[in-house]
Amino acid sequence: MVLQSQFREYLPVLLLVALVVAVSIATPKEMLAERDPMAGQSLVGHTEAHTAPQLACEVDGPLANGSEESTIRSFSLTAKPVEWQFTSAGYVNAWTYDGAVPGPLLCVNVGDWLEVTLTNELSVPVSFHLHLRATSNDSFNPTEVVPGGVGIYYFEAEQAGTYLYHDLVNGNEGLGKGLHGALIVRDGVTEADHEIVVIMGEYQPEYHPGTYAATINGFAFPWLPMWQFEQGEQVRVHLLNAGPSEEHTFHVHGHRWLDGGEGRPIDNKFLSPHSAVHHPSVEAPEGFVGLSSALADDVAVFDIEMGAAGEWMYHCHVYDHINAGMMGHLSVEEVH
């Protein structure tokens, strides 16, 4: 009886594992187009022979760190509504930066200034928020950009790291409807063989009536990116939780990595919702229970060595989130 009870408990996970294997068999890798390294339905990682690291984004021009004058990196974003297809039969009416969830991956060097021109094509005010030092010039960094308006934002990239950018004027609704993306601030050469950016989040009924899905980079199973690497490669993971209201714990089967804070190997990384870490003043959605004694921040960067060849899963280790779509496929190929 105990075995039967345990089997029933894990039956949903076993069924999802079987479905992942079936999808990977039914969809040959050569039929999956390599596109944006954050996009769904794509093959990401080691897709061709390479001698230099394959990075998630490149910075044009020399490093600004240590120079007398900072380099200004200019970006243009448009906030617009999109009917966003996040899985084979799932759509949400999303608010987006540049028509996608998440928005474009931005990349600068330490010491650079970001100039972000935001055009608003939504019917509500929007903004661009980033946890970097903003210019003190009152002509820039407006609190909101009205519908049909244009705003210019300046931030200084003083510290290397990975940051979530997002709308702030609409509180959690902006995050929940899709107005978020990632920024990587580099300091020197990245030594990993590959980089992947993983933004965890959810589509909540409060913002998308009739829909609940747990997502990575805006997509849910079976549309999550298929990761492919070769045995022995070092993969740098930029892991973020956009929330807006749930904790997630990132897990990769068959692999472990070094926890930067504790110095021990782990195979799970807990992340709190962005608003719970950085914006406690933002009203939490109904039913949200924050783990105030265990907030582990909303961003983590770590390296995984692809040591175990085979077919594996990556997913959130909260079973409800697995069932809601936060599960993808990892292939590690032997080197002959």
Foldseek 3Di string as FASTA:
>chain_A
DVVVVVCVVCVVVVVVVVVQVVVPVVQDLVNADADQLQFWSHEHDCPDDDDAAAENDDDPDDAQPPPPAAAEDEEEWEWDWDQDDFDDPDTFGFTATPHFFDYDEAEEAAFHKYKYKYAYQDQAWWAKDKPAAWDPDPQARDLTAHHRGIGITIGHRNDFDKIKIFTPNVFLLRLLRGGIDMYGYDYDGDPFNYEHEWEWEWNDCVNGPPDTATDTSRHFPPGGHEYEEEAFGKYKYKYFYQYQFDKWKKFKPPWWWADPVPRDIDGIDIAGHQCVVPPVVRDHDPPGDGPVVDHPYGIDITMIGRHDADKIKIFTPPVVNVSRGGMYIYGYHYDD
